[in-house]
Each structure stands twice: as structure tokens, then as C-alpha cells.
């Protein structure tokens, strides 16, 4: 008798949509299991143009980029969008700057950003059911609990690719 073996998920995908703060923001993030960890590839357009810090206001861009707790990106048009996604995904209760879901900031060129990086902090299966979040401001990687990256301007639920 033949019993099919359940294949382990090796790729996941998030389609990122912008909030009212960045309505033209659109892109995707692909997670791929590779030897010793996970490759993360992101491509987005419609990011707000860089604005240097002025007075006590943080700069707009480079943009904080994280995994958040929940795959709910429901409220794109509220003054504080995407709150349903919860806070940073931090399965090992590390201080900020070392969360599994802390990613490098996104630098844009005329609103377009593309980047790939490697992490050994999680596998593809670990991130399914969470969301990818892009913030208005850069992450400082030290403020607790989440890096003071400002408003949420883009969100995408992470789903398995079969």
C-alpha cells in the first residue's frame, strides 16, 4: 500500500499592500528554505520618498521592515493602519534588535526597493500565518519593544506556496 509522504513547506509568499499613508505601495516578499536557514527576497514599489529628519520628527525612510504576529492586514485606511497584525513576531522573547522577525531596513530608489538576505532565525514553516510589515521610518534596532519605526505603511499576510 502506498502512503504519500507529507512534503515540508519550502516556500512562502506575502503580497504587500499599502495603507492610506502609502496607497501606491505594492510588492511581494518570498521566503525560501535554503541550506542552514531561509532566504528572504523583497521587491516593492510605491514607497514614500525619503525625507530627512527635521526637529524632533524621524526621517521618512529608509523603511523599517519586520514580521508581525498575525496575518491580519485589515485596516489600511485608519489613521493607525494594520494594528490587527499585532506587534513584532518574537518567538524566543529576545530584546528588540534580535527578534526573529527583525529585518534590515528597506532603502528605496524613487520609491522602488529590492533586496534579498539570509537568516537562520526561522524556517519557512515558522513564518506562515504571520505578516510582513513595512514602516514609515527606519528601525533603530534598540528601542523596546519594537524599534520606534513609526506608522505602518504596508502589510502582507504570509502564506505557503505549494
N, C-alpha and C. Protein backbone atom coordinates (compact mmCIF):
# COMPACT_ATOMS: atom_id res chain seq x y z
N UNK A 1 0.84 -1.17 0.00
CA UNK A 1 0.00 0.00 0.00
C UNK A 1 0.89 1.24 0.00
N UNK A 2 0.51 2.24 -0.77
CA UNK A 2 1.27 3.49 -0.90
C UNK A 2 0.70 4.54 0.04
N UNK A 3 1.58 5.13 0.86
CA UNK A 3 1.18 6.22 1.74
C UNK A 3 1.99 7.45 1.33
N UNK A 4 1.32 8.49 0.85
CA UNK A 4 2.08 9.68 0.44
C UNK A 4 2.74 10.34 1.65
N UNK A 5 3.94 10.78 1.45
CA UNK A 5 4.67 11.48 2.50
C UNK A 5 4.31 12.96 2.40
N UNK A 6 3.97 13.54 3.54
CA UNK A 6 3.63 14.96 3.55
C UNK A 6 4.92 15.75 3.29
N UNK A 7 4.87 16.53 2.25
CA UNK A 7 6.05 17.31 1.88
C UNK A 7 6.12 18.55 2.76
N UNK A 8 7.28 18.85 3.24
CA UNK A 8 7.51 20.03 4.06
C UNK A 8 7.40 21.28 3.19
N UNK A 9 6.76 22.31 3.73
CA UNK A 9 6.66 23.58 3.00
C UNK A 9 8.05 24.17 2.87
N UNK A 10 8.43 24.56 1.67
CA UNK A 10 9.77 25.12 1.50
C UNK A 10 9.75 26.54 0.96
N UNK A 11 8.55 27.05 0.62
CA UNK A 11 8.44 28.44 0.15
C UNK A 11 7.16 29.05 0.68
N UNK A 12 7.23 30.34 0.96
CA UNK A 12 6.06 31.10 1.38
C UNK A 12 6.13 32.46 0.70
N UNK A 13 5.00 33.16 0.71
CA UNK A 13 4.83 34.38 -0.07
C UNK A 13 3.94 35.35 0.69
N UNK A 14 4.26 36.62 0.60
CA UNK A 14 3.38 37.67 1.12
C UNK A 14 3.22 38.73 0.03
N UNK A 15 1.99 39.06 -0.28
CA UNK A 15 1.70 40.16 -1.19
C UNK A 15 1.44 41.39 -0.34
N UNK A 16 2.26 42.41 -0.49
CA UNK A 16 2.20 43.60 0.36
C UNK A 16 1.35 44.68 -0.31
N UNK A 17 0.40 45.19 0.45
CA UNK A 17 -0.46 46.30 0.00
C UNK A 17 -0.21 47.50 0.90
N UNK A 18 -0.29 48.69 0.33
CA UNK A 18 -0.07 49.91 1.09
C UNK A 18 -1.29 50.35 1.87
N UNK A 19 -1.03 51.14 2.91
CA UNK A 19 -2.10 51.75 3.69
C UNK A 19 -2.45 53.10 3.06
N UNK A 20 -3.38 53.82 3.67
CA UNK A 20 -3.73 55.16 3.19
C UNK A 20 -2.52 56.09 3.25
N UNK A 21 -1.53 55.76 4.06
CA UNK A 21 -0.31 56.57 4.17
C UNK A 21 0.63 56.36 2.98
N UNK A 22 0.45 55.26 2.26
CA UNK A 22 1.27 54.94 1.08
C UNK A 22 0.40 54.12 0.12
N UNK A 23 -0.63 54.75 -0.45
CA UNK A 23 -1.62 53.99 -1.23
C UNK A 23 -1.08 53.33 -2.50
N UNK A 24 0.05 53.80 -3.01
CA UNK A 24 0.64 53.19 -4.21
C UNK A 24 1.63 52.08 -3.90
N UNK A 25 1.85 51.81 -2.62
CA UNK A 25 2.80 50.78 -2.23
C UNK A 25 2.23 49.41 -2.60
N UNK A 26 3.04 48.63 -3.29
CA UNK A 26 2.66 47.28 -3.68
C UNK A 26 3.93 46.47 -3.88
N UNK A 27 3.89 45.21 -3.50
CA UNK A 27 5.05 44.36 -3.74
C UNK A 27 4.85 42.98 -3.17
N UNK A 28 5.95 42.26 -3.04
CA UNK A 28 5.88 40.90 -2.54
C UNK A 28 7.17 40.56 -1.79
N UNK A 29 7.03 39.56 -0.93
CA UNK A 29 8.16 39.01 -0.20
C UNK A 29 8.08 37.50 -0.37
N UNK A 30 9.19 36.86 -0.72
CA UNK A 30 9.24 35.41 -0.88
C UNK A 30 10.24 34.86 0.13
N UNK A 31 9.81 33.82 0.83
CA UNK A 31 10.65 33.12 1.80
C UNK A 31 10.96 31.74 1.22
N UNK A 32 12.24 31.37 1.17
CA UNK A 32 12.65 30.08 0.61
C UNK A 32 13.62 29.39 1.57
N UNK A 33 13.30 28.14 1.94
CA UNK A 33 14.25 27.36 2.73
C UNK A 33 15.48 27.08 1.88
N UNK A 34 16.64 27.36 2.43
CA UNK A 34 17.93 27.08 1.79
C UNK A 34 18.80 26.39 2.83
N UNK A 35 19.91 25.81 2.43
CA UNK A 35 20.77 25.17 3.44
C UNK A 35 21.13 26.13 4.57
N UNK A 36 20.93 25.67 5.80
CA UNK A 36 21.28 26.39 7.03
C UNK A 36 20.35 27.54 7.39
N UNK A 37 19.23 27.74 6.66
CA UNK A 37 18.33 28.82 7.03
C UNK A 37 17.32 29.15 5.95
N UNK A 38 17.01 30.43 5.86
CA UNK A 38 15.97 30.92 4.96
C UNK A 38 16.47 32.13 4.17
N UNK A 39 16.19 32.13 2.88
CA UNK A 39 16.44 33.32 2.07
C UNK A 39 15.15 34.12 2.01
N UNK A 40 15.26 35.43 2.21
CA UNK A 40 14.13 36.34 2.14
C UNK A 40 14.39 37.30 0.99
N UNK A 41 13.45 37.39 0.06
CA UNK A 41 13.58 38.30 -1.08
C UNK A 41 12.37 39.22 -1.09
N UNK A 42 12.61 40.51 -1.19
CA UNK A 42 11.53 41.50 -1.22
C UNK A 42 11.68 42.39 -2.44
N UNK A 43 10.55 42.74 -3.04
CA UNK A 43 10.51 43.72 -4.13
C UNK A 43 9.24 44.53 -3.96
N UNK A 44 9.38 45.84 -3.77
CA UNK A 44 8.23 46.73 -3.58
C UNK A 44 8.43 48.02 -4.36
N UNK A 45 7.31 48.60 -4.73
CA UNK A 45 7.32 49.93 -5.35
C UNK A 45 6.27 50.78 -4.65
N UNK A 46 6.32 52.07 -4.90
CA UNK A 46 5.37 52.99 -4.29
C UNK A 46 5.72 53.42 -2.88
N UNK A 47 6.98 53.20 -2.47
CA UNK A 47 7.39 53.66 -1.14
C UNK A 47 7.47 55.19 -1.14
N UNK A 48 7.13 55.83 -0.01
CA UNK A 48 7.23 57.29 0.06
C UNK A 48 8.67 57.75 -0.14
N UNK A 49 8.86 58.91 -0.75
CA UNK A 49 10.22 59.42 -0.94
C UNK A 49 10.90 59.73 0.39
N UNK A 50 12.20 59.58 0.40
CA UNK A 50 12.99 59.87 1.59
C UNK A 50 12.84 61.33 1.99
N UNK A 51 12.67 61.57 3.28
CA UNK A 51 12.66 62.91 3.84
C UNK A 51 13.55 62.90 5.08
N UNK A 52 14.56 63.74 5.13
CA UNK A 52 15.45 63.73 6.30
C UNK A 52 14.70 64.14 7.57
N UNK A 53 15.25 63.75 8.70
CA UNK A 53 14.67 64.13 9.99
C UNK A 53 14.67 65.65 10.11
N UNK A 54 13.61 66.17 10.72
CA UNK A 54 13.51 67.61 10.96
C UNK A 54 13.04 67.83 12.38
N UNK A 55 13.81 68.57 13.15
CA UNK A 55 13.46 68.81 14.54
C UNK A 55 13.36 67.50 15.30
N UNK A 56 12.21 67.27 15.92
CA UNK A 56 12.04 66.02 16.67
C UNK A 56 11.30 64.96 15.86
N UNK A 57 11.13 65.17 14.56
CA UNK A 57 10.46 64.20 13.70
C UNK A 57 11.49 63.27 13.05
N UNK A 58 11.18 61.99 13.06
CA UNK A 58 12.06 60.99 12.45
C UNK A 58 12.06 61.14 10.93
N UNK A 59 13.10 60.67 10.27
CA UNK A 59 13.09 60.70 8.81
C UNK A 59 12.04 59.74 8.26
N UNK A 60 11.59 60.01 7.06
CA UNK A 60 10.76 59.05 6.34
C UNK A 60 11.71 58.27 5.44
N UNK A 61 11.84 56.98 5.72
CA UNK A 61 12.81 56.15 5.02
C UNK A 61 14.19 56.32 5.63
N UNK A 62 15.08 55.36 5.42
CA UNK A 62 14.77 54.02 4.94
C UNK A 62 13.73 53.38 5.84
N UNK A 63 13.03 52.41 5.33
CA UNK A 63 11.81 51.91 5.96
C UNK A 63 12.05 50.67 6.80
N UNK A 64 11.53 50.71 8.05
CA UNK A 64 11.55 49.54 8.91
C UNK A 64 10.80 48.40 8.24
N UNK A 65 11.28 47.19 8.44
CA UNK A 65 10.77 46.01 7.74
C UNK A 65 10.83 44.84 8.72
N UNK A 66 9.67 44.21 8.99
CA UNK A 66 9.59 43.18 10.03
C UNK A 66 8.56 42.11 9.68
N UNK A 67 8.59 41.05 10.49
CA UNK A 67 7.48 40.11 10.56
C UNK A 67 6.69 40.49 11.81
N UNK A 68 5.36 40.55 11.65
CA UNK A 68 4.48 40.83 12.78
C UNK A 68 3.70 39.57 13.14
N UNK A 69 3.07 39.59 14.32
CA UNK A 69 2.48 38.40 14.93
C UNK A 69 1.35 37.75 14.14
N UNK A 70 0.46 38.54 13.57
CA UNK A 70 -0.76 37.98 12.98
C UNK A 70 -0.83 38.27 11.48
N UNK A 71 -1.56 37.42 10.76
CA UNK A 71 -1.71 37.57 9.31
C UNK A 71 -2.93 38.42 8.96
N UNK A 72 -3.29 39.34 9.82
CA UNK A 72 -4.46 40.19 9.59
C UNK A 72 -4.00 41.60 9.22
N UNK A 73 -4.18 41.96 7.97
CA UNK A 73 -3.79 43.28 7.49
C UNK A 73 -5.03 44.11 7.16
N UNK A 74 -6.09 43.98 7.95
CA UNK A 74 -7.39 44.52 7.62
C UNK A 74 -7.58 46.01 7.48
N UNK A 75 -7.05 46.83 8.33
CA UNK A 75 -7.46 48.24 8.38
C UNK A 75 -6.45 49.19 7.74
N UNK A 76 -6.38 49.18 6.42
CA UNK A 76 -5.40 50.00 5.71
C UNK A 76 -5.75 51.48 5.70
N UNK A 77 -7.02 51.82 5.94
CA UNK A 77 -7.44 53.22 5.79
C UNK A 77 -7.61 53.97 7.10
N UNK A 78 -7.23 53.40 8.23
CA UNK A 78 -7.34 54.06 9.52
C UNK A 78 -6.11 54.92 9.76
N UNK A 79 -6.21 55.90 10.68
CA UNK A 79 -5.04 56.74 10.99
C UNK A 79 -3.84 55.93 11.50
N UNK A 80 -4.10 54.83 12.20
CA UNK A 80 -3.05 53.91 12.65
C UNK A 80 -3.30 52.56 11.97
N UNK A 81 -2.90 52.41 10.72
CA UNK A 81 -3.24 51.22 9.94
C UNK A 81 -2.58 49.93 10.42
N UNK A 82 -3.22 48.83 10.09
CA UNK A 82 -2.69 47.47 10.26
C UNK A 82 -2.42 47.08 11.71
N UNK A 83 -3.14 47.66 12.64
CA UNK A 83 -2.93 47.31 14.05
C UNK A 83 -3.32 45.87 14.34
N UNK A 84 -4.23 45.30 13.55
CA UNK A 84 -4.65 43.92 13.75
C UNK A 84 -3.51 42.92 13.58
N UNK A 85 -2.43 43.34 12.92
CA UNK A 85 -1.27 42.46 12.72
C UNK A 85 -0.47 42.25 14.00
N UNK A 86 -0.80 42.99 15.05
CA UNK A 86 -0.09 42.84 16.32
C UNK A 86 1.31 43.42 16.27
N UNK A 87 2.09 43.07 17.25
CA UNK A 87 3.47 43.56 17.35
C UNK A 87 4.45 42.69 16.60
N UNK A 88 5.71 42.96 16.81
CA UNK A 88 6.76 42.18 16.16
C UNK A 88 6.67 40.72 16.57
N UNK A 89 6.93 39.86 15.61
CA UNK A 89 6.99 38.43 15.90
C UNK A 89 8.31 38.16 16.60
N UNK A 90 8.22 37.60 17.79
CA UNK A 90 9.40 37.41 18.64
C UNK A 90 9.25 36.09 19.40
N UNK A 91 9.35 34.96 18.70
CA UNK A 91 9.05 33.67 19.32
C UNK A 91 9.99 33.25 20.45
N UNK A 92 11.18 33.83 20.52
CA UNK A 92 12.13 33.43 21.57
C UNK A 92 12.30 34.51 22.63
N UNK A 93 11.40 35.51 22.63
CA UNK A 93 11.40 36.58 23.65
C UNK A 93 12.75 37.27 23.80
N UNK A 94 13.33 37.64 22.68
CA UNK A 94 14.60 38.36 22.67
C UNK A 94 14.35 39.86 22.76
N UNK A 95 15.33 40.64 23.22
CA UNK A 95 15.18 42.09 23.17
C UNK A 95 15.17 42.57 21.73
N UNK A 96 14.54 43.72 21.50
CA UNK A 96 14.45 44.23 20.14
C UNK A 96 15.85 44.45 19.57
N UNK A 97 15.94 44.18 18.29
CA UNK A 97 17.21 44.19 17.58
C UNK A 97 17.66 42.76 17.35
N UNK A 98 17.05 41.83 18.09
CA UNK A 98 17.40 40.42 17.94
C UNK A 98 16.15 39.55 17.82
N UNK A 99 14.98 40.16 17.50
CA UNK A 99 13.78 39.37 17.25
C UNK A 99 14.01 38.55 15.98
N UNK A 100 13.42 37.37 15.93
CA UNK A 100 13.49 36.57 14.69
C UNK A 100 12.92 37.36 13.52
N UNK A 101 11.93 38.21 13.78
CA UNK A 101 11.27 38.97 12.72
C UNK A 101 11.88 40.33 12.43
N UNK A 102 13.03 40.66 13.01
CA UNK A 102 13.72 41.92 12.70
C UNK A 102 14.50 41.77 11.40
N UNK A 103 14.19 42.59 10.44
CA UNK A 103 14.85 42.55 9.13
C UNK A 103 15.65 43.82 8.90
N UNK A 104 16.54 43.82 7.91
CA UNK A 104 17.23 45.06 7.53
C UNK A 104 16.23 46.08 7.01
N UNK A 105 16.55 47.35 7.14
CA UNK A 105 15.66 48.40 6.60
C UNK A 105 15.64 48.34 5.08
N UNK A 106 14.56 48.87 4.50
CA UNK A 106 14.43 48.94 3.04
C UNK A 106 14.86 50.32 2.56
N UNK A 107 15.89 50.37 1.76
CA UNK A 107 16.33 51.61 1.10
C UNK A 107 15.64 51.66 -0.25
N UNK A 108 15.03 52.79 -0.58
CA UNK A 108 14.34 52.87 -1.87
C UNK A 108 15.05 53.84 -2.81
N UNK A 109 14.88 53.59 -4.07
CA UNK A 109 15.34 54.48 -5.13
C UNK A 109 14.10 54.87 -5.91
N UNK A 110 13.70 56.12 -5.79
CA UNK A 110 12.49 56.61 -6.44
C UNK A 110 11.28 55.74 -6.11
N UNK A 111 11.18 55.31 -4.85
CA UNK A 111 10.03 54.53 -4.39
C UNK A 111 10.14 53.04 -4.61
N UNK A 112 11.22 52.57 -5.22
CA UNK A 112 11.39 51.15 -5.53
C UNK A 112 12.50 50.57 -4.65
N UNK A 113 12.23 49.40 -4.09
CA UNK A 113 13.25 48.71 -3.30
C UNK A 113 13.25 47.23 -3.65
N UNK A 114 14.42 46.67 -3.71
CA UNK A 114 14.59 45.24 -3.95
C UNK A 114 15.78 44.80 -3.11
N UNK A 115 15.60 43.67 -2.42
CA UNK A 115 16.66 43.21 -1.53
C UNK A 115 16.45 41.72 -1.27
N UNK A 116 17.54 41.01 -1.04
CA UNK A 116 17.44 39.65 -0.53
C UNK A 116 18.48 39.50 0.56
N UNK A 117 18.16 38.65 1.52
CA UNK A 117 19.10 38.39 2.61
C UNK A 117 18.85 37.00 3.16
N UNK A 118 19.79 36.53 3.95
CA UNK A 118 19.74 35.21 4.56
C UNK A 118 19.54 35.37 6.06
N UNK A 119 18.75 34.47 6.65
CA UNK A 119 18.62 34.42 8.10
C UNK A 119 18.55 32.96 8.54
N UNK A 120 19.09 32.69 9.71
CA UNK A 120 18.94 31.36 10.28
C UNK A 120 18.02 31.40 11.50
N UNK A 121 17.27 32.49 11.65
CA UNK A 121 16.39 32.68 12.81
C UNK A 121 15.07 31.92 12.70
N UNK A 122 14.73 31.45 11.51
CA UNK A 122 13.46 30.73 11.33
C UNK A 122 13.50 29.93 10.04
N UNK A 123 12.54 29.01 9.92
CA UNK A 123 12.33 28.29 8.67
C UNK A 123 11.06 28.84 8.03
N UNK A 124 10.81 28.48 6.80
CA UNK A 124 9.61 28.95 6.10
C UNK A 124 8.35 28.56 6.87
N UNK A 125 8.27 27.32 7.34
CA UNK A 125 7.08 26.89 8.08
C UNK A 125 6.80 27.76 9.29
N UNK A 126 7.84 28.29 9.92
CA UNK A 126 7.67 29.12 11.12
C UNK A 126 6.93 30.42 10.86
N UNK A 127 7.06 30.99 9.67
CA UNK A 127 6.51 32.32 9.42
C UNK A 127 5.11 32.31 8.80
N UNK A 128 4.65 31.17 8.34
CA UNK A 128 3.32 31.08 7.76
C UNK A 128 2.29 31.41 8.84
N UNK A 129 1.34 32.27 8.50
CA UNK A 129 0.34 32.69 9.47
C UNK A 129 0.69 33.98 10.19
N UNK A 130 1.82 34.57 9.82
CA UNK A 130 2.21 35.88 10.35
C UNK A 130 2.09 36.89 9.20
N UNK A 131 2.61 38.09 9.38
CA UNK A 131 2.55 39.08 8.30
C UNK A 131 3.88 39.80 8.17
N UNK A 132 4.10 40.34 6.99
CA UNK A 132 5.23 41.21 6.71
C UNK A 132 4.73 42.64 6.87
N UNK A 133 5.53 43.49 7.51
CA UNK A 133 5.14 44.88 7.73
C UNK A 133 6.25 45.81 7.27
N UNK A 134 5.86 46.88 6.58
CA UNK A 134 6.78 47.95 6.20
C UNK A 134 6.34 49.20 6.95
N UNK A 135 7.31 49.87 7.56
CA UNK A 135 7.03 51.06 8.37
C UNK A 135 7.49 52.33 7.66
N UNK A 136 6.97 53.44 8.11
CA UNK A 136 7.28 54.74 7.51
C UNK A 136 8.71 55.18 7.80
N UNK A 137 9.21 54.86 8.98
CA UNK A 137 10.51 55.35 9.43
C UNK A 137 11.50 54.19 9.57
N UNK A 138 12.79 54.51 9.70
CA UNK A 138 13.76 53.44 9.91
C UNK A 138 13.62 52.85 11.32
N UNK A 139 13.99 51.61 11.45
CA UNK A 139 14.05 50.93 12.73
C UNK A 139 15.35 51.33 13.40
N UNK A 140 15.30 51.63 14.72
CA UNK A 140 16.55 51.98 15.40
C UNK A 140 17.23 50.76 16.03
N UNK A 141 16.59 49.59 15.96
CA UNK A 141 17.12 48.31 16.45
C UNK A 141 17.48 48.32 17.93
N UNK A 142 16.99 49.31 18.69
CA UNK A 142 17.30 49.30 20.12
C UNK A 142 16.11 49.67 21.00
N UNK A 143 15.19 50.54 20.54
CA UNK A 143 14.03 50.89 21.37
C UNK A 143 13.21 49.64 21.64
N UNK A 144 12.74 49.52 22.86
CA UNK A 144 11.98 48.34 23.26
C UNK A 144 10.49 48.70 23.34
N UNK A 145 9.60 47.85 22.90
CA UNK A 145 9.88 46.51 22.43
C UNK A 145 10.02 46.41 20.92
N UNK A 146 9.89 47.54 20.16
CA UNK A 146 9.76 47.34 18.71
C UNK A 146 10.52 48.30 17.81
N UNK A 147 11.45 49.08 18.28
CA UNK A 147 12.33 49.81 17.39
C UNK A 147 11.90 51.16 16.90
N UNK A 148 10.74 51.66 17.34
CA UNK A 148 10.31 53.02 17.03
C UNK A 148 10.35 53.32 15.54
N UNK A 149 9.83 52.40 14.71
CA UNK A 149 9.89 52.56 13.25
C UNK A 149 8.70 53.33 12.68
N UNK A 150 7.85 53.85 13.52
CA UNK A 150 6.77 54.71 13.05
C UNK A 150 5.57 53.95 12.52
N UNK A 151 4.76 54.70 11.79
CA UNK A 151 3.48 54.17 11.29
C UNK A 151 3.69 53.02 10.32
N UNK A 152 2.68 52.19 10.24
CA UNK A 152 2.70 51.02 9.36
C UNK A 152 2.15 51.44 8.00
N UNK A 153 2.98 51.30 6.97
CA UNK A 153 2.55 51.77 5.64
C UNK A 153 2.29 50.64 4.64
N UNK A 154 2.72 49.42 4.96
CA UNK A 154 2.49 48.29 4.07
C UNK A 154 2.42 47.00 4.85
N UNK A 155 1.51 46.10 4.43
CA UNK A 155 1.33 44.86 5.16
C UNK A 155 0.94 43.75 4.18
N UNK A 156 1.40 42.53 4.48
CA UNK A 156 1.01 41.38 3.68
C UNK A 156 1.03 40.10 4.49
N UNK A 157 -0.08 39.35 4.51
CA UNK A 157 -0.10 38.06 5.21
C UNK A 157 0.83 37.05 4.54
N UNK A 158 1.52 36.24 5.32
CA UNK A 158 2.45 35.24 4.80
C UNK A 158 1.72 33.92 4.63
N UNK A 159 1.75 33.39 3.40
CA UNK A 159 1.04 32.15 3.08
C UNK A 159 2.00 31.16 2.42
N UNK A 160 1.70 29.87 2.57
CA UNK A 160 2.51 28.83 1.97
C UNK A 160 2.36 28.85 0.45
N UNK A 161 3.44 28.58 -0.24
CA UNK A 161 3.42 28.37 -1.69
C UNK A 161 3.59 26.87 -1.91
N UNK A 162 2.70 26.28 -2.63
CA UNK A 162 2.78 24.83 -2.87
C UNK A 162 3.41 24.55 -4.20
